[in-house]
N, C-alpha and C. Protein backbone atom coordinates (compact mmCIF):
# COMPACT_ATOMS: atom_id res chain seq x y z
N MET A 1 0.85 -1.17 0.00
CA MET A 1 0.00 0.00 0.00
C MET A 1 0.90 1.23 0.00
N THR A 2 0.56 2.20 -0.85
CA THR A 2 1.37 3.40 -0.94
C THR A 2 1.15 4.30 0.27
N LEU A 3 2.07 5.22 0.45
CA LEU A 3 1.98 6.14 1.57
C LEU A 3 0.71 6.98 1.51
N VAL A 4 0.30 7.37 0.29
CA VAL A 4 -0.92 8.16 0.15
C VAL A 4 -2.12 7.38 0.65
N ARG A 5 -2.22 6.09 0.29
CA ARG A 5 -3.34 5.27 0.76
C ARG A 5 -3.29 5.09 2.27
N VAL A 6 -2.10 4.91 2.80
CA VAL A 6 -1.95 4.71 4.25
C VAL A 6 -2.45 5.95 5.01
N ILE A 7 -2.25 7.11 4.44
CA ILE A 7 -2.68 8.35 5.10
C ILE A 7 -4.13 8.69 4.75
N ALA A 8 -4.49 8.59 3.48
CA ALA A 8 -5.79 9.07 3.01
C ALA A 8 -6.96 8.25 3.53
N ARG A 9 -6.84 6.95 3.53
CA ARG A 9 -7.98 6.12 3.95
C ARG A 9 -8.38 6.38 5.40
N PRO A 10 -7.46 6.40 6.35
CA PRO A 10 -7.90 6.72 7.72
C PRO A 10 -8.46 8.14 7.86
N LEU A 11 -7.91 9.08 7.08
CA LEU A 11 -8.44 10.44 7.14
C LEU A 11 -9.88 10.50 6.64
N ILE A 12 -10.16 9.81 5.55
CA ILE A 12 -11.53 9.77 5.04
C ILE A 12 -12.43 9.04 6.04
N ALA A 13 -11.93 7.94 6.57
CA ALA A 13 -12.73 7.11 7.48
C ALA A 13 -13.06 7.82 8.78
N SER A 14 -12.18 8.70 9.25
CA SER A 14 -12.40 9.34 10.55
C SER A 14 -13.71 10.11 10.61
N SER A 15 -14.05 10.80 9.55
CA SER A 15 -15.30 11.56 9.51
C SER A 15 -16.50 10.63 9.61
N PHE A 16 -16.42 9.48 8.95
CA PHE A 16 -17.52 8.52 8.97
C PHE A 16 -17.66 7.84 10.34
N VAL A 17 -16.56 7.60 11.01
CA VAL A 17 -16.63 6.99 12.34
C VAL A 17 -17.33 7.95 13.29
N VAL A 18 -16.93 9.20 13.28
CA VAL A 18 -17.55 10.19 14.16
C VAL A 18 -19.03 10.35 13.83
N SER A 19 -19.35 10.44 12.56
CA SER A 19 -20.75 10.59 12.14
C SER A 19 -21.57 9.37 12.53
N GLY A 20 -21.01 8.17 12.35
CA GLY A 20 -21.72 6.94 12.69
C GLY A 20 -21.96 6.80 14.17
N VAL A 21 -20.96 7.13 14.98
CA VAL A 21 -21.11 7.07 16.44
C VAL A 21 -22.16 8.08 16.88
N ASP A 22 -22.12 9.26 16.29
CA ASP A 22 -23.13 10.27 16.62
C ASP A 22 -24.52 9.79 16.25
N ARG A 23 -24.66 9.15 15.10
CA ARG A 23 -25.96 8.63 14.66
C ARG A 23 -26.43 7.54 15.63
N LEU A 24 -25.52 6.70 16.08
CA LEU A 24 -25.89 5.65 17.04
C LEU A 24 -26.36 6.24 18.37
N ARG A 25 -25.65 7.26 18.84
CA ARG A 25 -25.99 7.88 20.13
C ARG A 25 -27.33 8.61 20.09
N THR A 26 -27.64 9.20 18.95
CA THR A 26 -28.84 10.04 18.86
C THR A 26 -29.87 9.45 17.90
N ALA A 27 -29.92 8.14 17.80
CA ALA A 27 -30.84 7.49 16.85
C ALA A 27 -32.30 7.85 17.14
N GLY A 28 -32.65 7.93 18.40
CA GLY A 28 -34.03 8.28 18.75
C GLY A 28 -34.37 9.71 18.39
N ALA A 29 -33.43 10.62 18.59
CA ALA A 29 -33.68 12.03 18.29
C ALA A 29 -33.68 12.32 16.80
N THR A 30 -32.89 11.55 16.03
CA THR A 30 -32.83 11.81 14.59
C THR A 30 -33.85 11.00 13.80
N ALA A 31 -34.58 10.12 14.47
CA ALA A 31 -35.58 9.30 13.79
C ALA A 31 -36.63 10.14 13.06
N PRO A 32 -37.15 11.22 13.65
CA PRO A 32 -38.12 12.04 12.91
C PRO A 32 -37.56 12.66 11.63
N GLN A 33 -36.25 12.95 11.63
CA GLN A 33 -35.63 13.49 10.42
C GLN A 33 -35.57 12.44 9.31
N LEU A 34 -35.45 11.17 9.69
CA LEU A 34 -35.40 10.08 8.71
C LEU A 34 -36.76 9.79 8.08
N LYS A 35 -37.81 10.10 8.80
CA LYS A 35 -39.16 9.71 8.38
C LYS A 35 -39.51 10.14 6.95
N PRO A 36 -39.31 11.40 6.53
CA PRO A 36 -39.68 11.78 5.16
C PRO A 36 -38.90 11.00 4.08
N VAL A 37 -37.63 10.76 4.33
CA VAL A 37 -36.82 10.02 3.36
C VAL A 37 -37.29 8.57 3.30
N LEU A 38 -37.54 7.98 4.46
CA LEU A 38 -37.98 6.58 4.49
C LEU A 38 -39.38 6.42 3.89
N THR A 39 -40.23 7.41 4.06
CA THR A 39 -41.55 7.38 3.43
C THR A 39 -41.41 7.38 1.91
N GLY A 40 -40.50 8.19 1.41
CA GLY A 40 -40.24 8.22 -0.04
C GLY A 40 -39.70 6.89 -0.54
N VAL A 41 -38.82 6.26 0.24
CA VAL A 41 -38.29 4.95 -0.14
C VAL A 41 -39.41 3.92 -0.16
N ALA A 42 -40.28 3.97 0.85
CA ALA A 42 -41.39 3.01 0.92
C ALA A 42 -42.35 3.17 -0.25
N LYS A 43 -42.52 4.41 -0.75
CA LYS A 43 -43.38 4.63 -1.92
C LYS A 43 -42.76 4.04 -3.17
N VAL A 44 -41.45 4.18 -3.31
CA VAL A 44 -40.75 3.66 -4.49
C VAL A 44 -40.62 2.15 -4.42
N ILE A 45 -40.30 1.63 -3.22
CA ILE A 45 -40.13 0.19 -3.02
C ILE A 45 -41.12 -0.25 -1.95
N PRO A 46 -42.32 -0.65 -2.35
CA PRO A 46 -43.35 -1.01 -1.37
C PRO A 46 -42.95 -2.15 -0.43
N SER A 47 -42.14 -3.08 -0.90
CA SER A 47 -41.74 -4.20 -0.05
C SER A 47 -40.80 -3.76 1.06
N ALA A 48 -40.26 -2.56 1.00
CA ALA A 48 -39.38 -2.06 2.04
C ALA A 48 -40.15 -1.40 3.18
N GLY A 49 -41.47 -1.43 3.10
CA GLY A 49 -42.31 -0.78 4.12
C GLY A 49 -42.08 -1.32 5.52
N ALA A 50 -41.85 -2.61 5.65
CA ALA A 50 -41.63 -3.21 6.97
C ALA A 50 -40.35 -2.68 7.60
N ILE A 51 -39.34 -2.47 6.79
CA ILE A 51 -38.06 -1.98 7.30
C ILE A 51 -38.11 -0.49 7.57
N THR A 52 -38.71 0.26 6.66
CA THR A 52 -38.71 1.72 6.78
C THR A 52 -39.70 2.23 7.82
N GLY A 53 -40.51 1.36 8.38
CA GLY A 53 -41.48 1.77 9.39
C GLY A 53 -40.86 2.10 10.74
N ASN A 54 -39.68 1.57 11.02
CA ASN A 54 -39.01 1.80 12.30
C ASN A 54 -37.81 2.72 12.07
N GLU A 55 -38.05 4.02 12.19
CA GLU A 55 -37.02 5.01 11.89
C GLU A 55 -35.81 4.90 12.84
N LYS A 56 -36.08 4.62 14.10
CA LYS A 56 -34.98 4.53 15.06
C LYS A 56 -34.05 3.37 14.70
N LEU A 57 -34.62 2.24 14.35
CA LEU A 57 -33.81 1.09 13.97
C LEU A 57 -33.01 1.38 12.70
N VAL A 58 -33.63 2.03 11.74
CA VAL A 58 -32.92 2.39 10.51
C VAL A 58 -31.76 3.33 10.84
N GLY A 59 -31.99 4.28 11.73
CA GLY A 59 -30.92 5.18 12.14
C GLY A 59 -29.77 4.43 12.80
N GLN A 60 -30.10 3.47 13.65
CA GLN A 60 -29.06 2.67 14.29
C GLN A 60 -28.30 1.83 13.27
N VAL A 61 -29.01 1.25 12.33
CA VAL A 61 -28.35 0.45 11.29
C VAL A 61 -27.43 1.33 10.44
N LEU A 62 -27.91 2.52 10.08
CA LEU A 62 -27.07 3.44 9.31
C LEU A 62 -25.81 3.80 10.09
N GLY A 63 -25.96 4.10 11.37
CA GLY A 63 -24.81 4.45 12.19
C GLY A 63 -23.83 3.30 12.33
N ALA A 64 -24.34 2.11 12.61
CA ALA A 64 -23.46 0.94 12.77
C ALA A 64 -22.77 0.60 11.45
N THR A 65 -23.50 0.73 10.36
CA THR A 65 -22.90 0.46 9.04
C THR A 65 -21.79 1.46 8.75
N GLN A 66 -22.03 2.71 9.09
CA GLN A 66 -20.99 3.72 8.87
C GLN A 66 -19.75 3.44 9.70
N VAL A 67 -19.93 3.12 10.95
CA VAL A 67 -18.78 2.85 11.81
C VAL A 67 -18.01 1.64 11.30
N GLY A 68 -18.73 0.55 11.03
CA GLY A 68 -18.06 -0.68 10.58
C GLY A 68 -17.35 -0.50 9.26
N ALA A 69 -18.03 0.11 8.30
CA ALA A 69 -17.42 0.31 6.98
C ALA A 69 -16.25 1.29 7.06
N ALA A 70 -16.37 2.31 7.89
CA ALA A 70 -15.28 3.28 8.04
C ALA A 70 -14.04 2.63 8.66
N VAL A 71 -14.25 1.78 9.64
CA VAL A 71 -13.11 1.08 10.25
C VAL A 71 -12.44 0.19 9.20
N LEU A 72 -13.24 -0.54 8.43
CA LEU A 72 -12.67 -1.40 7.38
C LEU A 72 -11.90 -0.58 6.34
N LEU A 73 -12.47 0.55 5.94
CA LEU A 73 -11.78 1.42 4.99
C LEU A 73 -10.49 1.95 5.60
N GLY A 74 -10.55 2.38 6.84
CA GLY A 74 -9.38 2.95 7.50
C GLY A 74 -8.22 1.98 7.64
N ILE A 75 -8.53 0.71 7.90
CA ILE A 75 -7.44 -0.27 8.05
C ILE A 75 -7.08 -0.95 6.73
N GLY A 76 -7.83 -0.63 5.67
CA GLY A 76 -7.50 -1.16 4.35
C GLY A 76 -8.01 -2.56 4.09
N ARG A 77 -9.00 -3.02 4.81
CA ARG A 77 -9.59 -4.35 4.59
C ARG A 77 -10.93 -4.18 3.90
N PHE A 78 -11.16 -4.94 2.86
CA PHE A 78 -12.40 -4.87 2.09
C PHE A 78 -12.75 -3.41 1.78
N SER A 79 -11.75 -2.65 1.42
CA SER A 79 -11.93 -1.20 1.28
C SER A 79 -12.89 -0.82 0.16
N ARG A 80 -12.95 -1.59 -0.91
CA ARG A 80 -13.86 -1.24 -2.00
C ARG A 80 -15.32 -1.46 -1.59
N VAL A 81 -15.59 -2.56 -0.92
CA VAL A 81 -16.95 -2.83 -0.44
C VAL A 81 -17.32 -1.81 0.65
N ALA A 82 -16.38 -1.56 1.54
CA ALA A 82 -16.63 -0.58 2.60
C ALA A 82 -16.92 0.79 2.02
N ALA A 83 -16.19 1.17 0.98
CA ALA A 83 -16.42 2.47 0.35
C ALA A 83 -17.80 2.54 -0.30
N LEU A 84 -18.24 1.44 -0.89
CA LEU A 84 -19.59 1.43 -1.46
C LEU A 84 -20.66 1.56 -0.37
N LEU A 85 -20.47 0.87 0.74
CA LEU A 85 -21.41 1.01 1.86
C LEU A 85 -21.43 2.44 2.38
N LEU A 86 -20.26 3.04 2.48
CA LEU A 86 -20.20 4.43 2.93
C LEU A 86 -20.86 5.38 1.94
N THR A 87 -20.77 5.06 0.66
CA THR A 87 -21.45 5.88 -0.35
C THR A 87 -22.95 5.86 -0.13
N VAL A 88 -23.49 4.68 0.11
CA VAL A 88 -24.94 4.55 0.33
C VAL A 88 -25.36 5.29 1.61
N THR A 89 -24.66 5.04 2.71
CA THR A 89 -25.05 5.68 3.97
C THR A 89 -24.88 7.19 3.91
N THR A 90 -23.85 7.66 3.25
CA THR A 90 -23.63 9.10 3.15
C THR A 90 -24.68 9.75 2.27
N THR A 91 -25.12 9.05 1.23
CA THR A 91 -26.18 9.58 0.38
C THR A 91 -27.47 9.74 1.19
N VAL A 92 -27.79 8.74 1.99
CA VAL A 92 -28.98 8.83 2.85
C VAL A 92 -28.82 9.98 3.83
N ASN A 93 -27.64 10.07 4.47
CA ASN A 93 -27.40 11.15 5.42
C ASN A 93 -27.48 12.52 4.75
N ALA A 94 -26.98 12.63 3.53
CA ALA A 94 -27.04 13.91 2.82
C ALA A 94 -28.48 14.31 2.55
N LEU A 95 -29.29 13.35 2.13
CA LEU A 95 -30.71 13.64 1.91
C LEU A 95 -31.41 14.07 3.19
N VAL A 96 -31.15 13.33 4.26
CA VAL A 96 -31.79 13.65 5.54
C VAL A 96 -31.34 15.01 6.04
N ASP A 97 -30.03 15.26 6.01
CA ASP A 97 -29.51 16.55 6.48
C ASP A 97 -30.07 17.71 5.67
N TYR A 98 -30.11 17.55 4.35
CA TYR A 98 -30.57 18.64 3.50
C TYR A 98 -32.05 18.93 3.72
N ARG A 99 -32.85 17.86 3.82
CA ARG A 99 -34.30 18.04 4.00
C ARG A 99 -34.65 18.61 5.38
N SER A 100 -33.87 18.26 6.39
CA SER A 100 -34.22 18.68 7.75
C SER A 100 -33.53 19.98 8.18
N ALA A 101 -32.62 20.50 7.38
CA ALA A 101 -31.90 21.71 7.75
C ALA A 101 -32.79 22.94 7.64
N ASP A 102 -32.55 23.88 8.51
CA ASP A 102 -33.29 25.14 8.51
C ASP A 102 -32.86 25.99 7.32
N ALA A 103 -33.82 26.54 6.62
CA ALA A 103 -33.52 27.39 5.46
C ALA A 103 -34.31 28.70 5.53
N SER A 104 -34.59 29.15 6.75
CA SER A 104 -35.43 30.34 6.91
C SER A 104 -34.64 31.65 6.81
N THR A 105 -33.36 31.62 7.09
CA THR A 105 -32.54 32.83 7.03
C THR A 105 -31.40 32.63 6.03
N PRO A 106 -30.80 33.71 5.57
CA PRO A 106 -29.67 33.56 4.65
C PRO A 106 -28.50 32.77 5.26
N GLU A 107 -28.26 32.97 6.56
CA GLU A 107 -27.18 32.24 7.22
C GLU A 107 -27.49 30.74 7.29
N ALA A 108 -28.75 30.43 7.57
CA ALA A 108 -29.16 29.03 7.63
C ALA A 108 -29.06 28.38 6.25
N LYS A 109 -29.43 29.12 5.21
CA LYS A 109 -29.31 28.59 3.86
C LYS A 109 -27.85 28.34 3.50
N LYS A 110 -26.98 29.25 3.93
CA LYS A 110 -25.55 29.08 3.66
C LYS A 110 -25.00 27.86 4.40
N ALA A 111 -25.42 27.67 5.64
CA ALA A 111 -24.98 26.49 6.41
C ALA A 111 -25.51 25.20 5.79
N ARG A 112 -26.75 25.25 5.32
CA ARG A 112 -27.36 24.08 4.67
C ARG A 112 -26.59 23.71 3.40
N ARG A 113 -26.26 24.72 2.60
CA ARG A 113 -25.51 24.49 1.37
C ARG A 113 -24.11 23.96 1.69
N SER A 114 -23.48 24.51 2.71
CA SER A 114 -22.15 24.06 3.11
C SER A 114 -22.16 22.60 3.55
N GLN A 115 -23.17 22.22 4.32
CA GLN A 115 -23.31 20.82 4.77
C GLN A 115 -23.53 19.90 3.58
N LEU A 116 -24.35 20.33 2.62
CA LEU A 116 -24.60 19.52 1.43
C LEU A 116 -23.31 19.32 0.63
N LEU A 117 -22.55 20.39 0.45
CA LEU A 117 -21.29 20.29 -0.29
C LEU A 117 -20.29 19.39 0.42
N LYS A 118 -20.26 19.45 1.75
CA LYS A 118 -19.37 18.56 2.51
C LYS A 118 -19.77 17.11 2.29
N ASN A 119 -21.07 16.83 2.36
CA ASN A 119 -21.54 15.47 2.13
C ASN A 119 -21.25 15.00 0.71
N LEU A 120 -21.43 15.86 -0.27
CA LEU A 120 -21.13 15.50 -1.65
C LEU A 120 -19.64 15.25 -1.84
N SER A 121 -18.80 16.03 -1.16
CA SER A 121 -17.36 15.81 -1.22
C SER A 121 -16.98 14.46 -0.62
N LEU A 122 -17.61 14.11 0.49
CA LEU A 122 -17.34 12.81 1.10
C LEU A 122 -17.80 11.67 0.20
N ILE A 123 -18.94 11.85 -0.45
CA ILE A 123 -19.42 10.83 -1.40
C ILE A 123 -18.40 10.66 -2.53
N GLY A 124 -17.88 11.76 -3.03
CA GLY A 124 -16.85 11.69 -4.08
C GLY A 124 -15.60 10.97 -3.60
N ALA A 125 -15.18 11.25 -2.37
CA ALA A 125 -13.99 10.60 -1.83
C ALA A 125 -14.17 9.09 -1.70
N VAL A 126 -15.32 8.66 -1.19
CA VAL A 126 -15.52 7.22 -1.04
C VAL A 126 -15.78 6.54 -2.38
N LEU A 127 -16.33 7.26 -3.35
CA LEU A 127 -16.46 6.69 -4.69
C LEU A 127 -15.08 6.45 -5.30
N LEU A 128 -14.15 7.37 -5.10
CA LEU A 128 -12.79 7.16 -5.57
C LEU A 128 -12.16 5.95 -4.86
N ALA A 129 -12.41 5.84 -3.57
CA ALA A 129 -11.89 4.68 -2.83
C ALA A 129 -12.53 3.38 -3.32
N ALA A 130 -13.77 3.45 -3.77
CA ALA A 130 -14.47 2.25 -4.24
C ALA A 130 -13.88 1.71 -5.53
N VAL A 131 -13.32 2.57 -6.36
CA VAL A 131 -12.75 2.11 -7.62
C VAL A 131 -11.23 1.92 -7.54
N ASP A 132 -10.64 2.24 -6.42
CA ASP A 132 -9.19 2.08 -6.23
C ASP A 132 -8.86 0.59 -6.12
N THR A 133 -8.01 0.12 -7.01
CA THR A 133 -7.62 -1.30 -6.99
C THR A 133 -6.36 -1.54 -6.18
N ASN A 134 -5.89 -0.52 -5.49
CA ASN A 134 -4.73 -0.65 -4.61
C ASN A 134 -3.48 -1.06 -5.39
N GLY A 135 -3.39 -0.61 -6.63
CA GLY A 135 -2.23 -0.90 -7.44
C GLY A 135 -2.24 -2.28 -8.10
N ARG A 136 -3.26 -3.05 -7.83
CA ARG A 136 -3.37 -4.39 -8.44
C ARG A 136 -4.30 -4.32 -9.64
N PRO A 137 -4.08 -5.20 -10.61
CA PRO A 137 -4.97 -5.16 -11.78
C PRO A 137 -6.39 -5.55 -11.42
N GLY A 138 -7.33 -4.91 -12.09
CA GLY A 138 -8.74 -5.20 -11.86
C GLY A 138 -9.20 -6.42 -12.65
N ILE A 139 -10.46 -6.77 -12.48
CA ILE A 139 -11.04 -7.94 -13.13
C ILE A 139 -11.01 -7.79 -14.65
N ALA A 140 -11.33 -6.61 -15.16
CA ALA A 140 -11.37 -6.40 -16.60
C ALA A 140 -9.98 -6.60 -17.21
N TRP A 141 -8.96 -6.05 -16.58
CA TRP A 141 -7.60 -6.19 -17.08
C TRP A 141 -7.19 -7.66 -17.07
N ARG A 142 -7.49 -8.36 -16.00
CA ARG A 142 -7.13 -9.78 -15.90
C ARG A 142 -7.83 -10.60 -16.97
N ALA A 143 -9.12 -10.35 -17.18
CA ALA A 143 -9.88 -11.09 -18.19
C ALA A 143 -9.33 -10.82 -19.58
N GLU A 144 -9.01 -9.57 -19.86
CA GLU A 144 -8.48 -9.23 -21.18
C GLU A 144 -7.14 -9.90 -21.42
N HIS A 145 -6.28 -9.90 -20.43
CA HIS A 145 -4.98 -10.55 -20.59
C HIS A 145 -5.09 -12.07 -20.65
N LEU A 146 -6.05 -12.62 -19.96
CA LEU A 146 -6.30 -14.06 -20.06
C LEU A 146 -6.72 -14.41 -21.48
N ALA A 147 -7.59 -13.61 -22.07
CA ALA A 147 -8.04 -13.85 -23.44
C ALA A 147 -6.88 -13.70 -24.43
N THR A 148 -6.03 -12.73 -24.23
CA THR A 148 -4.87 -12.53 -25.12
C THR A 148 -3.93 -13.73 -25.04
N GLU A 149 -3.66 -14.19 -23.84
CA GLU A 149 -2.79 -15.36 -23.67
C GLU A 149 -3.40 -16.60 -24.28
N ALA A 150 -4.71 -16.75 -24.17
CA ALA A 150 -5.39 -17.90 -24.76
C ALA A 150 -5.29 -17.84 -26.29
N LYS A 151 -5.38 -16.65 -26.85
CA LYS A 151 -5.24 -16.50 -28.31
C LYS A 151 -3.85 -16.95 -28.76
N LYS A 152 -2.84 -16.52 -28.03
CA LYS A 152 -1.47 -16.89 -28.38
C LYS A 152 -1.29 -18.39 -28.30
N SER A 153 -1.86 -19.01 -27.30
CA SER A 153 -1.73 -20.46 -27.12
C SER A 153 -2.48 -21.24 -28.19
N ALA A 154 -3.52 -20.63 -28.72
CA ALA A 154 -4.38 -21.33 -29.68
C ALA A 154 -3.98 -21.09 -31.13
N ALA A 155 -2.85 -20.47 -31.35
CA ALA A 155 -2.45 -20.15 -32.71
C ALA A 155 -2.30 -21.41 -33.57
N GLY A 156 -1.93 -22.51 -32.98
CA GLY A 156 -1.73 -23.73 -33.73
C GLY A 156 -2.96 -24.63 -33.77
N LEU A 157 -4.09 -24.19 -33.34
CA LEU A 157 -5.30 -25.02 -33.30
C LEU A 157 -6.01 -25.04 -34.65
N SER A 158 -6.94 -25.94 -34.79
CA SER A 158 -7.71 -26.05 -36.03
C SER A 158 -8.64 -24.86 -36.22
N LYS A 159 -9.26 -24.80 -37.42
CA LYS A 159 -10.15 -23.68 -37.74
C LYS A 159 -11.37 -23.65 -36.81
N ASP A 160 -11.96 -24.82 -36.51
CA ASP A 160 -13.11 -24.87 -35.61
C ASP A 160 -12.73 -24.41 -34.21
N ALA A 161 -11.58 -24.81 -33.76
CA ALA A 161 -11.13 -24.41 -32.43
C ALA A 161 -10.92 -22.90 -32.36
N ARG A 162 -10.43 -22.32 -33.48
CA ARG A 162 -10.23 -20.86 -33.51
C ARG A 162 -11.57 -20.13 -33.44
N LYS A 163 -12.58 -20.66 -34.13
CA LYS A 163 -13.92 -20.05 -34.07
C LYS A 163 -14.47 -20.10 -32.65
N GLN A 164 -14.31 -21.23 -32.00
CA GLN A 164 -14.79 -21.36 -30.61
C GLN A 164 -14.03 -20.41 -29.70
N LEU A 165 -12.74 -20.29 -29.94
CA LEU A 165 -11.93 -19.38 -29.13
C LEU A 165 -12.37 -17.94 -29.35
N LYS A 166 -12.71 -17.59 -30.59
CA LYS A 166 -13.16 -16.24 -30.89
C LYS A 166 -14.46 -15.94 -30.16
N LYS A 167 -15.39 -16.93 -30.15
CA LYS A 167 -16.64 -16.75 -29.42
C LYS A 167 -16.38 -16.60 -27.92
N ALA A 168 -15.48 -17.41 -27.40
CA ALA A 168 -15.15 -17.33 -25.97
C ALA A 168 -14.52 -15.98 -25.64
N ASP A 169 -13.68 -15.48 -26.55
CA ASP A 169 -13.04 -14.18 -26.35
C ASP A 169 -14.10 -13.08 -26.27
N LYS A 170 -15.08 -13.11 -27.18
CA LYS A 170 -16.15 -12.12 -27.14
C LYS A 170 -16.95 -12.21 -25.85
N ALA A 171 -17.21 -13.44 -25.41
CA ALA A 171 -17.98 -13.63 -24.18
C ALA A 171 -17.22 -13.09 -22.97
N VAL A 172 -15.91 -13.35 -22.92
CA VAL A 172 -15.10 -12.86 -21.80
C VAL A 172 -15.06 -11.34 -21.81
N ARG A 173 -14.86 -10.76 -22.99
CA ARG A 173 -14.80 -9.29 -23.06
C ARG A 173 -16.14 -8.66 -22.68
N LYS A 174 -17.24 -9.27 -23.11
CA LYS A 174 -18.56 -8.75 -22.75
C LYS A 174 -18.79 -8.84 -21.25
N THR A 175 -18.42 -9.97 -20.67
CA THR A 175 -18.59 -10.15 -19.22
C THR A 175 -17.72 -9.14 -18.46
N ALA A 176 -16.49 -8.96 -18.91
CA ALA A 176 -15.60 -8.01 -18.26
C ALA A 176 -16.15 -6.59 -18.34
N SER A 177 -16.69 -6.22 -19.50
CA SER A 177 -17.24 -4.85 -19.61
C SER A 177 -18.51 -4.71 -18.79
N ASP A 178 -19.30 -5.80 -18.66
CA ASP A 178 -20.49 -5.73 -17.81
C ASP A 178 -20.12 -5.56 -16.34
N VAL A 179 -19.06 -6.26 -15.92
CA VAL A 179 -18.63 -6.17 -14.53
C VAL A 179 -18.10 -4.79 -14.23
N VAL A 180 -17.28 -4.26 -15.12
CA VAL A 180 -16.67 -2.95 -14.90
C VAL A 180 -17.64 -1.83 -15.20
N GLY A 181 -18.55 -2.06 -16.14
CA GLY A 181 -19.55 -1.05 -16.47
C GLY A 181 -19.08 -0.09 -17.53
N SER A 182 -18.10 -0.48 -18.32
CA SER A 182 -17.63 0.43 -19.38
C SER A 182 -18.02 -0.06 -20.73
């Protein structure tokens, strides 16, 4: 792991640990703030109604998820999965914070906008961490190189074998692009 990763991941994670612990401590008080967002989720996904009905529990789960994922990101274990979890929890927190913030005065509007920008910056940071392969090749690169090596090995095969290899190559490349999303 490079020095930048050793420093950056714990720095990013620290904000999420503090936010998650705060969410855990004040889950009952912040439950009313979650209600409008959870109501919207329940309208979009009706089967989530059983889960979204208990705002305090959802707040506790969000807080615990943030703490756990932030610790994993900070120590460099399962950092891509942890970063994705932090992206989801931070998006929910950003929605809740923005909807529940006071916007009656110019100063309150400025504070609301500042909080939103901070949350968006954190989302950007964890999205970058989610795609960081830690200097190792990703799945798409490995699949592409596997296909290239297979082509080289199959140079002496019959015409039918080459056709099958070509089909397999297309399938591997399609799967790799589906996984990576490019």
